[in-house]
Amino acid sequence: MDKGQFFREARHDLTGPLDGVRVLEATTAWAGPMVGCMLADLGADVVRIDLPGSTGLGWPPKIPGTELSFADQTVNRNKRSVSLDLRAAEGQAAFLQLAAHADVVVENFRPGTLEGWGIGYAGCRAVKADIVYVSVSGWGQYGPWSERAGYDPAALAASGWMSLNGEADGSPTKAPTFLADDLAGLHGTIGALAALRHRDQTGEGQHVDVALLDSITYQSNGMLMLGALGAELPRWGSQVGATVPTNRYACQDGHLYLAIGLDSHWRKLATLARRPDLAEAPGWATNQERVDNRGAVDAFVAQWCHGQRVEDALEAVLAAGLVAARVATFTEAAQEPHVQERDMLQPTELVDGSIVPIVGPAAKFSRTPTRVRHPAPHPGTDTEQVLADLGWTGQARPGRPAPAAPLATEEAATAGQRP
């Protein structure tokens, strides 16, 4: 199927499948903003609350040629921004008025923080009985650890995930990306959509509790169950315990990742490597035999790859219908025609006028396509418009600073990792 055929019945009068859904986002760092990002990418009108005086998510590095943070532009695109001081009474009143017109509220402060400001689930439910209120935190809304501050690598460490990451003879290693944050963002989005489905059928809203710890644990392939039963869980590095040969192999100019999961695929590889005798040889013929003979099998494939260029080896194994890929850098991946054809890089004009390729949404919708519609705004850009549309009844613009303590992420935020 070509791209035009997939999108042949696409509508262009909607922002996406969530066109018309209204989301109010009060978040910091990454996991909570990722919920808002995904909902916005799906077409929802997401209004993000920024503290007065905020300059946005300023994590380095800056996008080359600009003064803008890669993080802010990645996770806050497709949103609008309103400046409110949620520690001040008038800011809280404006927030509740916004919540009264919203379908979903997303927050990721430490449990109890927004309740203390009168804008937690109970406060929002009082003004919108069917509100879907999504709370993302490090450890959840209840449980012995619920009041702890939490960030991405702490969840990776506590879950058991980090203990299995890294080379077999190395040390436990965190993920290079905000993995627990991203998975919590994904589960927060799924939770919001499921709760909206329930609301549409019953008229009932609810509180959705998403923890970084639970999210990374859920996505750890049942390892927690095995751990509970005392199973041995070795660290495999780039190998896979269940199939051989599956590994990263060095070639003359880079690395090839090869995954042989079927005996029929092994026979093809043995033929490619000019050792058809190994296709059915004892210790080599079946996957279990190869698992038991892992060292010899892996050494044989490594030797075959060693004398070749990556592209030559890749071309040969792909022609045979095997599963393989070059181990690419992000720079190399960005240049791949397939990545570009999938719209995973979408040229977007940022607020400073520069045009950069923002990473596009993953899911493709044939009828309601999604896209990066606009860049991350300067904090507070949409305050006047959003409050005017709302018919704000306060006596003043609800953004003046309060005499309370600064809203430090290490004190109030519960999710996110600084790069």
Protein backbone atom coordinates (compact mmCIF):
# COMPACT_ATOMS: atom_id res chain seq x y z
CA MET A 1 0.00 0.00 0.00
CA ASP A 2 1.31 3.47 -0.79
CA LYS A 3 0.77 6.53 1.37
CA GLY A 4 -1.82 8.10 -0.88
CA GLN A 5 -3.93 4.95 -0.83
CA PHE A 6 -3.85 4.79 2.98
CA PHE A 7 -5.06 8.40 3.32
CA ARG A 8 -7.45 8.36 0.34
CA GLU A 9 -10.54 8.99 2.55
CA ALA A 10 -8.88 11.43 4.95
CA ARG A 11 -10.83 14.37 6.33
CA HIS A 12 -9.08 17.72 6.54
CA ASP A 13 -11.70 19.65 8.51
CA LEU A 14 -10.76 18.10 11.87
CA THR A 15 -7.70 18.40 14.10
CA GLY A 16 -7.71 14.62 14.61
CA PRO A 17 -9.83 11.85 16.16
CA LEU A 18 -10.14 13.85 19.42
CA ASP A 19 -11.38 17.01 17.71
CA GLY A 20 -13.66 18.83 20.18
CA VAL A 21 -12.21 17.24 23.34
CA ARG A 22 -11.04 19.87 25.84
CA VAL A 23 -8.06 19.19 28.10
CA LEU A 24 -6.68 21.29 30.95
CA GLU A 25 -3.05 20.50 31.78
CA ALA A 26 -1.23 21.52 34.98
CA THR A 27 2.12 19.76 34.80
CA THR A 28 5.88 20.02 35.07
CA ALA A 29 8.82 18.08 33.60
CA TRP A 30 7.98 15.28 31.12
CA ALA A 31 5.50 12.52 32.04
CA GLY A 32 2.47 14.77 32.64
CA PRO A 33 3.26 17.00 29.64
CA MET A 34 3.55 13.83 27.52
CA VAL A 35 -0.09 12.98 28.35
CA GLY A 36 -1.07 16.44 27.15
CA CYS A 37 1.19 16.11 24.10
CA MET A 38 -0.38 12.84 23.01
CA LEU A 39 -3.93 14.11 23.55
CA ALA A 40 -3.07 17.31 21.64
CA ASP A 41 -1.49 15.32 18.80
CA LEU A 42 -4.72 13.30 18.63
CA GLY A 43 -6.63 16.52 18.07
CA ALA A 44 -7.74 17.64 21.53
CA ASP A 45 -7.66 21.33 22.49
CA VAL A 46 -5.06 21.22 25.27
CA VAL A 47 -4.67 24.32 27.43
CA ARG A 48 -1.45 24.17 29.42
CA ILE A 49 -1.10 26.16 32.65
CA ASP A 50 2.26 27.90 33.08
CA LEU A 51 3.40 29.76 36.18
CA PRO A 52 3.65 33.54 35.69
CA GLY A 53 7.17 34.43 34.68
CA SER A 54 7.90 30.92 33.35
CA THR A 55 10.15 30.69 30.33
CA GLY A 56 8.99 27.18 29.50
CA LEU A 57 10.71 23.83 29.79
CA GLY A 58 14.29 24.95 29.36
CA TRP A 59 16.16 21.64 29.38
CA PRO A 60 19.29 21.50 27.20
CA PRO A 61 20.30 21.10 24.54
CA LYS A 62 18.94 24.01 22.58
CA ILE A 63 17.70 23.29 19.07
CA PRO A 64 20.67 24.13 16.81
CA GLY A 65 20.44 27.67 15.49
CA THR A 66 17.83 28.74 18.07
CA GLU A 67 17.51 29.68 21.75
CA LEU A 68 14.66 27.19 22.19
CA SER A 69 14.81 23.96 24.19
CA PHE A 70 14.41 20.68 22.31
CA ALA A 71 12.33 19.39 25.23
CA ASP A 72 9.84 22.27 25.27
CA GLN A 73 9.32 22.15 21.52
CA THR A 74 8.92 18.37 21.57
CA VAL A 75 6.45 17.90 24.41
CA ASN A 76 4.46 21.16 24.32
CA ARG A 77 3.67 21.44 20.61
CA ASN A 78 -0.02 21.55 19.59
CA LYS A 79 -0.97 23.12 22.96
CA ARG A 80 -2.14 26.54 24.07
CA SER A 81 -0.63 28.24 27.13
CA VAL A 82 -2.34 30.21 29.89
CA SER A 83 -0.44 31.93 32.68
CA LEU A 84 -1.99 31.30 36.10
CA ASP A 85 -0.52 31.30 39.60
CA LEU A 86 -2.18 28.21 41.02
CA ARG A 87 -0.94 29.13 44.52
CA ALA A 88 -3.07 32.27 44.51
CA ALA A 89 -6.82 32.31 45.16
CA GLU A 90 -7.66 34.03 41.89
CA GLY A 91 -5.53 31.63 39.89
CA GLN A 92 -7.26 28.71 41.57
CA ALA A 93 -10.68 30.19 40.79
CA ALA A 94 -9.71 30.65 37.13
CA PHE A 95 -8.42 27.08 37.00
CA LEU A 96 -11.73 25.74 38.33
CA GLN A 97 -13.64 27.80 35.79
CA LEU A 98 -11.48 26.30 33.06
CA ALA A 99 -12.04 22.83 34.53
CA ALA A 100 -15.79 23.39 34.45
CA HIS A 101 -15.56 23.56 30.66
CA ALA A 102 -13.05 20.75 30.21
CA ASP A 103 -13.41 17.05 29.53
CA VAL A 104 -10.05 16.06 31.02
CA VAL A 105 -7.68 17.51 33.60
CA VAL A 106 -4.07 16.27 33.60
CA GLU A 107 -1.68 16.95 36.49
CA ASN A 108 1.60 15.48 37.71
CA PHE A 109 2.33 17.17 41.02
CA ARG A 110 3.24 15.25 44.12
CA PRO A 111 0.04 13.64 45.50
CA GLY A 112 -1.86 16.06 47.72
CA THR A 113 -0.36 19.25 46.26
CA LEU A 114 -3.33 20.31 44.11
CA GLU A 115 -5.79 19.12 46.75
CA GLY A 116 -4.10 21.56 49.13
CA TRP A 117 -4.72 24.34 46.62
CA GLY A 118 -8.39 23.39 46.22
CA ILE A 119 -8.00 22.26 42.61
CA GLY A 120 -7.58 18.51 43.07
CA TYR A 121 -10.07 15.91 41.91
CA ALA A 122 -12.66 16.86 44.53
CA GLY A 123 -12.45 20.54 43.62
CA CYS A 124 -12.71 19.91 39.89
CA ARG A 125 -15.49 17.36 40.36
CA ALA A 126 -17.47 19.95 42.28
CA VAL A 127 -17.57 22.21 39.22
CA LYS A 128 -17.75 19.41 36.59
CA ALA A 129 -19.34 16.22 37.91
CA ASP A 130 -18.21 14.06 34.98
CA ILE A 131 -14.63 15.33 34.80
CA VAL A 132 -11.89 12.83 33.94
CA TYR A 133 -8.99 13.74 36.21
CA VAL A 134 -5.64 12.13 35.33
CA SER A 135 -2.92 12.23 38.00
CA VAL A 136 0.60 11.13 37.02
CA SER A 137 3.17 10.69 39.78
CA GLY A 138 6.30 8.78 40.58
CA TRP A 139 4.74 6.22 42.91
CA GLY A 140 0.95 6.66 42.72
CA GLN A 141 -1.79 8.32 44.74
CA TYR A 142 -1.71 5.67 47.48
CA GLY A 143 0.77 3.18 48.93
CA PRO A 144 3.73 3.51 51.31
CA TRP A 145 5.82 5.47 48.78
CA SER A 146 3.06 7.75 47.50
CA GLU A 147 4.32 10.91 49.22
CA ARG A 148 7.86 10.57 47.88
CA ALA A 149 9.09 12.82 45.10
CA GLY A 150 9.84 10.78 42.01
CA TYR A 151 11.70 11.02 38.74
CA ASP A 152 12.22 8.74 35.77
CA PRO A 153 15.53 7.08 36.73
CA ALA A 154 14.33 6.42 40.28
CA ALA A 155 11.38 4.46 38.87
CA LEU A 156 13.70 2.54 36.54
CA ALA A 157 15.89 1.66 39.51
CA ALA A 158 13.13 0.72 41.95
CA SER A 159 11.16 -1.38 39.44
CA GLY A 160 13.93 -3.87 38.71
CA TRP A 161 14.19 -2.68 35.11
CA MET A 162 17.59 -1.04 35.55
CA SER A 163 19.08 -4.21 37.04
CA LEU A 164 18.64 -5.95 33.67
CA ASN A 165 19.78 -3.10 31.43
CA GLY A 166 23.36 -3.00 30.20
CA GLU A 167 26.00 -5.48 29.14
CA ALA A 168 26.06 -8.83 30.92
CA ASP A 169 29.39 -8.04 32.61
CA GLY A 170 28.65 -4.35 33.19
CA SER A 171 26.77 -2.31 35.74
CA PRO A 172 23.02 -1.59 35.87
CA THR A 173 22.29 1.26 33.45
CA LYS A 174 19.39 3.67 33.08
CA ALA A 175 17.66 4.16 29.72
CA PRO A 176 19.10 6.89 27.46
CA THR A 177 15.62 8.31 26.96
CA PHE A 178 12.92 9.24 29.51
CA LEU A 179 11.47 5.73 29.30
CA ALA A 180 9.45 5.57 32.52
CA ASP A 181 8.16 9.10 31.89
CA ASP A 182 7.15 8.26 28.33
CA LEU A 183 5.40 5.04 29.37
CA ALA A 184 3.56 6.88 32.14
CA GLY A 185 2.53 9.45 29.54
CA LEU A 186 1.28 6.66 27.30
CA HIS A 187 -0.69 5.01 30.12
CA GLY A 188 -2.05 8.38 31.20
CA THR A 189 -3.33 8.92 27.67
CA ILE A 190 -4.85 5.44 27.49
CA GLY A 191 -6.41 5.97 30.91
CA ALA A 192 -7.92 9.29 29.84
CA LEU A 193 -9.39 7.76 26.67
CA ALA A 194 -10.81 4.75 28.54
CA ALA A 195 -12.35 7.03 31.18
CA LEU A 196 -13.85 9.24 28.46
CA ARG A 197 -15.41 6.16 26.87
CA HIS A 198 -16.94 5.23 30.24
CA ARG A 199 -18.17 8.80 30.74
CA ASP A 200 -19.80 8.85 27.34
CA GLN A 201 -21.64 5.61 28.13
CA THR A 202 -22.62 6.31 31.76
CA GLY A 203 -22.19 10.02 32.45
CA GLU A 204 -19.68 9.19 35.18
CA GLY A 205 -16.31 10.86 35.50
CA GLN A 206 -13.45 9.45 37.57
CA HIS A 207 -9.95 9.90 38.93
CA VAL A 208 -7.24 8.08 36.91
CA ASP A 209 -4.07 7.29 38.89
CA VAL A 210 -0.90 6.60 36.85
CA ALA A 211 2.50 5.95 38.43
CA LEU A 212 5.88 5.86 36.72
CA LEU A 213 6.70 2.76 38.77
CA ASP A 214 3.54 0.94 37.68
CA SER A 215 4.02 1.93 34.04
CA ILE A 216 7.57 0.64 33.70
CA THR A 217 6.66 -2.47 35.69
CA TYR A 218 3.67 -3.20 33.43
CA GLN A 219 5.86 -2.83 30.35
CA SER A 220 8.61 -5.12 31.66
CA ASN A 221 7.24 -8.27 30.00
CA GLY A 222 6.10 -10.04 33.15
CA MET A 223 9.52 -9.83 34.81
CA LEU A 224 7.95 -8.77 38.13
CA MET A 225 6.02 -12.06 38.23
CA LEU A 226 9.18 -14.01 37.57
CA GLY A 227 10.96 -12.03 40.25
CA ALA A 228 8.16 -12.75 42.72
CA LEU A 229 8.60 -16.44 42.03
CA GLY A 230 12.36 -16.31 42.53
CA ALA A 231 13.28 -16.99 38.91
CA GLU A 232 16.83 -16.21 37.81
CA LEU A 233 16.85 -13.12 35.60
CA PRO A 234 20.23 -12.63 33.90
CA ARG A 235 21.26 -9.47 32.06
CA TRP A 236 21.53 -10.20 28.34
CA GLY A 237 22.96 -6.98 26.92
CA SER A 238 22.17 -7.00 23.20
CA GLN A 239 21.33 -10.70 23.15
CA VAL A 240 17.93 -12.31 23.79
CA GLY A 241 17.64 -15.22 26.17
CA ALA A 242 15.02 -17.11 24.17
CA THR A 243 16.45 -17.05 20.63
CA VAL A 244 19.92 -17.57 19.13
CA PRO A 245 21.46 -15.99 17.15
CA THR A 246 19.95 -12.64 18.13
CA ASN A 247 22.58 -10.01 18.79
CA ARG A 248 24.49 -6.94 17.64
CA TYR A 249 27.36 -7.95 15.34
CA ALA A 250 30.35 -5.82 14.35
CA CYS A 251 30.95 -5.30 10.63
CA GLN A 252 33.76 -3.39 8.91
CA ASP A 253 31.96 -0.03 9.13
CA GLY A 254 29.40 -0.35 11.90
CA HIS A 255 27.06 -2.83 13.54
CA LEU A 256 24.29 -5.07 12.24
CA TYR A 257 21.48 -6.25 14.50
CA LEU A 258 20.28 -9.70 13.46
CA ALA A 259 17.34 -11.56 14.99
CA ILE A 260 16.83 -15.22 14.06
CA GLY A 261 13.64 -16.45 15.69
CA LEU A 262 12.71 -19.36 13.42
CA ASP A 263 14.58 -22.52 12.50
CA SER A 264 13.71 -21.91 8.85
CA HIS A 265 15.45 -18.53 9.15
CA TRP A 266 18.51 -20.19 10.64
CA ARG A 267 18.73 -22.51 7.68
CA LYS A 268 18.68 -19.54 5.32
CA LEU A 269 21.39 -17.77 7.33
CA ALA A 270 23.60 -20.87 7.37
CA THR A 271 23.30 -21.05 3.58
CA LEU A 272 24.11 -17.33 3.23
CA ALA A 273 27.18 -17.84 5.40
CA ARG A 274 28.29 -20.69 3.09
CA ARG A 275 27.90 -23.30 5.79
CA PRO A 276 24.76 -25.19 4.69
CA ASP A 277 26.03 -28.16 6.69
CA LEU A 278 25.19 -26.26 9.89
CA ALA A 279 21.55 -25.86 8.88
CA GLU A 280 20.65 -29.31 10.22
CA ALA A 281 23.74 -30.17 12.26
CA PRO A 282 23.38 -31.39 15.86
CA GLY A 283 23.73 -28.43 18.22
CA TRP A 284 22.67 -26.03 15.47
CA ALA A 285 19.44 -27.19 13.85
CA THR A 286 16.83 -26.14 16.41
CA ASN A 287 16.52 -22.99 18.42
CA GLN A 288 16.83 -24.86 21.71
CA GLU A 289 20.03 -26.49 20.47
CA ARG A 290 21.36 -23.07 19.47
CA VAL A 291 20.39 -21.61 22.86
CA ASP A 292 22.37 -24.41 24.53
CA ASN A 293 25.24 -23.80 22.05
CA ARG A 294 25.00 -20.00 22.28
CA GLY A 295 28.73 -19.24 22.38
CA ALA A 296 29.66 -21.20 19.28
CA VAL A 297 26.66 -20.04 17.25
CA ASP A 298 27.21 -16.39 18.16
CA ALA A 299 30.90 -16.61 17.34
CA PHE A 300 30.10 -18.11 13.93
CA VAL A 301 27.69 -15.29 13.01
CA ALA A 302 30.11 -12.68 14.37
CA GLN A 303 32.87 -14.04 12.14
CA TRP A 304 30.61 -13.94 9.08
CA CYS A 305 29.67 -10.29 9.76
CA HIS A 306 33.20 -9.20 10.62
CA GLY A 307 34.50 -9.32 7.08
CA GLN A 308 31.63 -7.38 5.48
CA ARG A 309 30.28 -3.88 5.20
CA VAL A 310 27.01 -3.37 7.06
CA GLU A 311 25.06 -2.57 3.91
CA ASP A 312 26.30 -5.69 2.12
CA ALA A 313 25.39 -7.98 5.01
CA LEU A 314 22.05 -6.21 5.47
CA GLU A 315 21.17 -6.49 1.79
CA ALA A 316 21.90 -10.21 1.83
CA VAL A 317 19.87 -11.05 4.93
CA LEU A 318 16.92 -8.88 3.90
CA ALA A 319 16.87 -10.51 0.47
CA ALA A 320 16.54 -13.84 2.27
CA GLY A 321 13.56 -12.56 4.25
CA LEU A 322 15.40 -12.39 7.57
CA VAL A 323 14.98 -9.79 10.32
CA ALA A 324 17.88 -7.35 10.56
CA ALA A 325 18.69 -3.65 10.77
CA ARG A 326 21.72 -1.43 10.78
CA VAL A 327 22.47 -0.06 14.27
CA ALA A 328 21.91 3.58 13.32
CA THR A 329 22.55 6.83 15.12
CA PHE A 330 19.63 9.24 15.44
CA THR A 331 21.35 11.38 12.80
CA GLU A 332 21.40 8.41 10.43
CA ALA A 333 17.81 7.45 11.27
CA ALA A 334 16.64 11.00 10.55
CA GLN A 335 18.02 10.71 7.01
CA GLU A 336 16.25 7.46 6.19
CA PRO A 337 13.64 7.87 3.43
CA HIS A 338 11.35 5.44 5.26
CA VAL A 339 11.38 7.58 8.43
CA GLN A 340 10.64 10.64 6.32
CA GLU A 341 7.86 8.93 4.36
CA ARG A 342 6.22 8.01 7.67
CA ASP A 343 6.11 11.74 8.59
CA MET A 344 8.14 11.14 11.73
CA LEU A 345 9.85 14.45 11.03
CA GLN A 346 7.49 17.33 10.27
CA PRO A 347 8.91 20.74 9.30
CA THR A 348 7.40 23.22 11.77
CA GLU A 349 7.81 26.98 12.12
CA LEU A 350 8.71 27.75 15.72
CA VAL A 351 7.83 30.91 17.64
CA ASP A 352 11.16 32.50 16.65
CA GLY A 353 10.46 31.95 12.95
CA SER A 354 12.95 29.12 12.50
CA ILE A 355 11.78 25.95 10.78
CA VAL A 356 12.85 22.66 12.32
CA PRO A 357 11.78 19.01 11.86
CA ILE A 358 9.64 18.22 14.92
CA VAL A 359 9.06 14.51 15.63
CA GLY A 360 5.56 13.62 14.43
CA PRO A 361 2.84 11.45 16.00
CA ALA A 362 3.30 7.69 15.86
CA ALA A 363 -0.23 6.41 15.19
CA LYS A 364 -1.58 7.02 11.68
CA PHE A 365 -5.31 7.56 11.13
CA SER A 366 -6.65 7.07 7.63
CA ARG A 367 -9.82 9.12 8.23
CA THR A 368 -8.66 11.71 10.80
CA PRO A 369 -4.94 12.31 10.16
CA THR A 370 -2.83 13.82 12.92
CA ARG A 371 0.10 16.21 12.57
CA VAL A 372 2.16 18.86 14.32
CA ARG A 373 -0.30 21.72 13.85
CA HIS A 374 1.69 24.44 15.60
CA PRO A 375 4.80 24.79 17.77
CA ALA A 376 5.04 25.10 21.53
CA PRO A 377 3.88 28.62 22.43
CA HIS A 378 5.65 31.06 24.70
CA PRO A 379 4.25 30.54 28.22
CA GLY A 380 1.12 32.63 28.70
CA THR A 381 0.65 33.42 25.01
CA ASP A 382 -3.01 32.41 24.98
CA THR A 383 -4.05 33.72 28.42
CA GLU A 384 -6.20 36.61 27.30
CA GLN A 385 -7.90 34.72 24.48
CA VAL A 386 -8.67 31.60 26.53
CA LEU A 387 -9.99 33.56 29.53
CA ALA A 388 -12.01 35.86 27.27
CA ASP A 389 -13.57 32.89 25.50
CA LEU A 390 -14.36 31.48 28.91
CA GLY A 391 -16.02 34.69 30.04
CA TRP A 392 -13.67 35.03 32.99
CA THR A 393 -15.51 36.74 35.83
CA GLY A 394 -12.52 37.50 38.09
CA GLN A 395 -11.67 41.06 39.04
CA ALA A 396 -8.19 40.97 37.56
CA ARG A 397 -5.98 38.94 35.29
CA PRO A 398 -5.33 35.84 37.44
CA GLY A 399 -1.60 35.74 37.03
CA ARG A 400 -0.11 37.87 39.77
CA PRO A 401 2.52 36.15 41.91
CA ALA A 402 1.56 34.90 45.33
CA PRO A 403 3.74 35.29 48.43
CA ALA A 404 3.97 31.50 48.73
CA ALA A 405 7.20 29.53 48.36
CA PRO A 406 8.50 29.03 44.80
CA LEU A 407 6.96 26.18 42.86
CA ALA A 408 10.13 24.08 42.72
CA THR A 409 9.88 20.88 40.73
CA GLU A 410 11.86 18.92 43.29
CA GLU A 411 9.21 19.82 45.88
CA ALA A 412 5.98 19.68 43.89
CA ALA A 413 6.57 17.69 40.72
CA THR A 414 6.33 13.96 40.73
CA ALA A 415 7.43 12.90 37.28
CA GLY A 416 10.12 13.80 34.82
CA GLN A 417 13.84 13.54 34.33
CA ARG A 418 16.19 16.34 33.51
CA PRO A 419 18.34 15.25 30.58
